[in-house]
C-alpha atoms as a PDB file:
ATOM      1  CA  MET A   1     163.027 -23.392-120.555  1.00  0.00           C
ATOM      2  CA  LEU A   2     164.962 -25.264-122.560  1.00  0.00           C
ATOM      3  CA  GLU A   3     165.675 -27.946-123.591  1.00  0.00           C
ATOM      4  CA  TRP A   4     169.219 -30.526-124.253  1.00  0.00           C
ATOM      5  CA  SER A   5     168.126 -32.812-127.450  1.00  0.00           C
ATOM      6  CA  ASN A   6     170.710 -34.386-130.085  1.00  0.00           C
ATOM      7  CA  ARG A   7     170.231 -30.818-132.474  1.00  0.00           C
ATOM      8  CA  PHE A   8     172.799 -29.544-130.279  1.00  0.00           C
ATOM      9  CA  ALA A   9     175.692 -32.565-129.823  1.00  0.00           C
ATOM     10  CA  THR A  10     178.549 -32.591-131.554  1.00  0.00           C
ATOM     11  CA  GLY A  11     178.985 -35.818-131.326  1.00  0.00           C
ATOM     12  CA  ILE A  12     182.079 -35.047-129.121  1.00  0.00           C
ATOM     13  CA  ALA A  13     181.177 -36.444-125.770  1.00  0.00           C
ATOM     14  CA  GLU A  14     183.519 -33.651-123.622  1.00  0.00           C
ATOM     15  CA  ILE A  15     181.865 -30.668-125.556  1.00  0.00           C
ATOM     16  CA  ASP A  16     178.384 -32.021-124.927  1.00  0.00           C
ATOM     17  CA  ASP A  17     178.493 -32.717-121.663  1.00  0.00           C
ATOM     18  CA  GLN A  18     180.015 -28.972-120.975  1.00  0.00           C
ATOM     19  CA  HIS A  19     177.487 -27.776-123.629  1.00  0.00           C
ATOM     20  CA  GLN A  20     174.966 -29.654-121.561  1.00  0.00           C
ATOM     21  CA  GLU A  21     176.093 -28.098-118.053  1.00  0.00           C
ATOM     22  CA  LEU A  22     175.527 -24.410-120.186  1.00  0.00           C
ATOM     23  CA  PHE A  23     172.379 -25.741-120.209  1.00  0.00           C
ATOM     24  CA  ARG A  24     171.011 -26.467-117.229  1.00  0.00           C
ATOM     25  CA  GLN A  25     172.461 -23.182-116.144  1.00  0.00           C
ATOM     26  CA  VAL A  26     170.825 -21.287-118.559  1.00  0.00           C
ATOM     27  CA  ASN A  27     167.769 -23.126-117.397  1.00  0.00           C
ATOM     28  CA  ARG A  28     168.664 -22.407-113.309  1.00  0.00           C
ATOM     29  CA  LEU A  29     168.880 -18.159-114.111  1.00  0.00           C
ATOM     30  CA  LEU A  30     165.121 -18.516-116.426  1.00  0.00           C
ATOM     31  CA  GLU A  31     163.653 -20.604-113.828  1.00  0.00           C
ATOM     32  CA  ALA A  32     164.613 -17.335-111.263  1.00  0.00           C
ATOM     33  CA  CYS A  33     163.146 -14.938-113.421  1.00  0.00           C
ATOM     34  CA  SER A  34     159.605 -16.849-113.991  1.00  0.00           C
ATOM     35  CA  GLN A  35     159.426 -16.822-110.030  1.00  0.00           C
ATOM     36  CA  GLY A  36     161.269 -13.436-109.293  1.00  0.00           C
ATOM     37  CA  THR A  37     164.554 -13.951-108.424  1.00  0.00           C
ATOM     38  CA  GLY A  38     166.542 -13.813-111.057  1.00  0.00           C
ATOM     39  CA  LYS A  39     168.576 -10.517-109.785  1.00  0.00           C
ATOM     40  CA  ALA A  40     169.775 -13.076-106.796  1.00  0.00           C
ATOM     41  CA  LEU A  41     170.737 -15.577-108.585  1.00  0.00           C
ATOM     42  CA  LEU A  42     173.090 -13.495-111.456  1.00  0.00           C
ATOM     43  CA  PRO A  43     175.889 -13.335-109.460  1.00  0.00           C
ATOM     44  CA  GLU A  44     176.501 -17.053-109.128  1.00  0.00           C
ATOM     45  CA  ILE A  45     175.310 -17.354-113.300  1.00  0.00           C
ATOM     46  CA  PHE A  46     178.043 -14.826-113.776  1.00  0.00           C
ATOM     47  CA  ASP A  47     180.670 -16.388-111.565  1.00  0.00           C
ATOM     48  CA  PHE A  48     179.710 -19.966-113.637  1.00  0.00           C
ATOM     49  CA  LEU A  49     180.107 -18.049-117.136  1.00  0.00           C
ATOM     50  CA  GLY A  50     183.640 -17.054-116.254  1.00  0.00           C
ATOM     51  CA  LYS A  51     184.617 -20.197-115.106  1.00  0.00           C
ATOM     52  CA  TYR A  52     182.892 -21.952-117.736  1.00  0.00           C
ATOM     53  CA  ALA A  53     184.220 -19.585-120.846  1.00  0.00           C
ATOM     54  CA  VAL A  54     187.985 -20.091-119.358  1.00  0.00           C
ATOM     55  CA  GLU A  55     187.132 -24.137-118.855  1.00  0.00           C
ATOM     56  CA  HIS A  56     184.977 -24.553-122.147  1.00  0.00           C
ATOM     57  CA  PHE A  57     186.272 -22.440-124.893  1.00  0.00           C
ATOM     58  CA  ALA A  58     189.917 -23.905-124.208  1.00  0.00           C
ATOM     59  CA  THR A  59     188.435 -27.181-124.596  1.00  0.00           C
ATOM     60  CA  GLU A  60     186.985 -26.907-127.487  1.00  0.00           C
ATOM     61  CA  GLU A  61     189.875 -24.489-129.033  1.00  0.00           C
ATOM     62  CA  ARG A  62     192.249 -27.432-128.374  1.00  0.00           C
ATOM     63  CA  TYR A  63     190.319 -29.704-130.392  1.00  0.00           C
ATOM     64  CA  MET A  64     190.233 -27.891-133.302  1.00  0.00           C
ATOM     65  CA  GLU A  65     194.379 -27.315-132.837  1.00  0.00           C
ATOM     66  CA  ARG A  66     194.639 -30.625-132.428  1.00  0.00           C
ATOM     67  CA  TYR A  67     192.578 -31.634-135.705  1.00  0.00           C
ATOM     68  CA  GLY A  68     193.441 -28.455-137.727  1.00  0.00           C
ATOM     69  CA  TYR A  69     190.268 -27.627-137.655  1.00  0.00           C
ATOM     70  CA  PRO A  70     189.858 -24.406-140.980  1.00  0.00           C
ATOM     71  CA  GLU A  71     187.420 -22.218-138.966  1.00  0.00           C
ATOM     72  CA  LEU A  72     189.731 -21.764-135.415  1.00  0.00           C
ATOM     73  CA  ALA A  73     190.292 -18.229-136.436  1.00  0.00           C
ATOM     74  CA  GLU A  74     186.618 -17.123-136.433  1.00  0.00           C
ATOM     75  CA  HIS A  75     185.449 -19.631-133.655  1.00  0.00           C
ATOM     76  CA  ARG A  76     188.302 -18.003-131.363  1.00  0.00           C
ATOM     77  CA  LYS A  77     187.090 -14.769-132.250  1.00  0.00           C
ATOM     78  CA  VAL A  78     184.163 -15.189-131.413  1.00  0.00           C
ATOM     79  CA  HIS A  79     184.336 -17.305-128.114  1.00  0.00           C
ATOM     80  CA  GLN A  80     186.348 -13.774-127.007  1.00  0.00           C
ATOM     81  CA  GLU A  81     183.804 -11.638-128.181  1.00  0.00           C
ATOM     82  CA  PHE A  82     181.200 -13.487-125.768  1.00  0.00           C
ATOM     83  CA  VAL A  83     183.714 -13.143-122.570  1.00  0.00           C
ATOM     84  CA  ARG A  84     184.289  -9.560-123.716  1.00  0.00           C
ATOM     85  CA  THR A  85     180.178  -9.221-123.613  1.00  0.00           C
ATOM     86  CA  PHE A  86     180.047 -11.349-119.808  1.00  0.00           C
ATOM     87  CA  LEU A  87     182.496  -9.335-118.868  1.00  0.00           C
ATOM     88  CA  GLN A  88     180.798  -5.814-119.223  1.00  0.00           C
ATOM     89  CA  PHE A  89     177.498  -7.033-118.333  1.00  0.00           C
ATOM     90  CA  ARG A  90     179.242  -8.319-114.762  1.00  0.00           C
ATOM     91  CA  GLN A  91     181.144  -5.057-114.286  1.00  0.00           C
ATOM     92  CA  GLN A  92     177.541  -3.087-114.971  1.00  0.00           C
ATOM     93  CA  ALA A  93     176.210  -5.666-112.150  1.00  0.00           C
ATOM     94  CA  GLU A  94     178.974  -4.071-109.761  1.00  0.00           C
ATOM     95  CA  ALA A  95     179.142  -0.926-110.744  1.00  0.00           C
ATOM     96  CA  GLN A  96     174.593  -0.996-110.569  1.00  0.00           C
ATOM     97  CA  GLY A  97     173.886  -3.668-109.301  1.00  0.00           C
ATOM     98  CA  PRO A  98     171.614  -6.907-111.049  1.00  0.00           C
ATOM     99  CA  GLY A  99     168.450  -4.831-112.530  1.00  0.00           C
ATOM    100  CA  VAL A 100     165.783  -6.469-114.187  1.00  0.00           C
ATOM    101  CA  HIS A 101     167.452  -4.794-117.331  1.00  0.00           C
ATOM    102  CA  LEU A 102     170.315  -6.785-117.262  1.00  0.00           C
ATOM    103  CA  VAL A 103     168.442 -10.310-116.466  1.00  0.00           C
ATOM    104  CA  VAL A 104     166.740  -9.859-119.401  1.00  0.00           C
ATOM    105  CA  GLN A 105     170.100  -8.960-121.245  1.00  0.00           C
ATOM    106  CA  VAL A 106     171.599 -11.424-119.790  1.00  0.00           C
ATOM    107  CA  ASN A 107     168.607 -14.156-120.621  1.00  0.00           C
ATOM    108  CA  ARG A 108     169.118 -13.188-123.859  1.00  0.00           C
ATOM    109  CA  VAL A 109     172.450 -13.531-124.590  1.00  0.00           C
ATOM    110  CA  LEU A 110     172.170 -16.446-123.202  1.00  0.00           C
ATOM    111  CA  VAL A 111     169.624 -18.370-125.118  1.00  0.00           C
ATOM    112  CA  ASP A 112     170.855 -16.763-128.502  1.00  0.00           C
ATOM    113  CA  TRP A 113     174.524 -17.933-127.726  1.00  0.00           C
ATOM    114  CA  LEU A 114     172.553 -21.505-127.399  1.00  0.00           C
ATOM    115  CA  LYS A 115     170.279 -21.802-130.078  1.00  0.00           C
ATOM    116  CA  ASN A 116     172.903 -19.972-132.666  1.00  0.00           C
ATOM    117  CA  HIS A 117     176.260 -20.653-131.455  1.00  0.00           C
ATOM    118  CA  ILE A 118     176.175 -24.048-130.861  1.00  0.00           C
ATOM    119  CA  LEU A 119     173.655 -24.963-133.238  1.00  0.00           C
ATOM    120  CA  LYS A 120     175.505 -23.333-136.267  1.00  0.00           C
ATOM    121  CA  MET A 121     179.329 -22.681-135.371  1.00  0.00           C
ATOM    122  CA  ASP A 122     179.468 -26.006-132.623  1.00  0.00           C
ATOM    123  CA  GLN A 123     177.990 -28.097-135.469  1.00  0.00           C
ATOM    124  CA  GLU A 124     179.910 -27.649-138.229  1.00  0.00           C
ATOM    125  CA  MET A 125     183.291 -27.627-136.191  1.00  0.00           C
ATOM    126  CA  GLY A 126     181.523 -31.461-134.847  1.00  0.00           C
ATOM    127  CA  LYS A 127     180.965 -32.139-138.182  1.00  0.00           C
ATOM    128  CA  PHE A 128     184.746 -31.785-139.302  1.00  0.00           C
ATOM    129  CA  LEU A 129     185.791 -33.356-135.839  1.00  0.00           C
ATOM    130  CA  GLN A 130     184.291 -36.407-135.843  1.00  0.00           C
ATOM    131  CA  GLN A 131     185.554 -36.815-139.372  1.00  0.00           C
ATOM    132  CA  ALA A 132     189.456 -36.206-138.388  1.00  0.00           C
ATOM    133  CA  LEU A 133     189.046 -38.797-134.838  1.00  0.00           C
ATOM    134  CA  LYS A 134     187.871 -41.603-138.222  1.00  0.00           C
ATOM    135  CA  LYS A 135     191.246 -40.852-139.643  1.00  0.00           C
END
């Protein structure tokens, strides 16, 4: 299980709330996998991720645009790569069914995203936005 802590916080409440929901959903999938029911939950997780990506990435990008974040283009590119990856996973699940290998891949990508994207790119964005909001 992944535990939310302040080290993941960007300092922007709307973004942090959305990140916390992603943690909850990833933990649901991890828990289901530990109980052997991950394959059954995968379609629901894909539905969540599809909606989450649209809403959350739009939120982050709106903040970055509004305050002139200099790394917006790179950040947006990483968001687009995430969406492409999960569209490929979803297509694979629809074509072949949600097999164990796919569940493992999805888990790995999600955990990596939480640990790396949020702790690196989103933290830098958060620092910039906090400074911009003080002005």
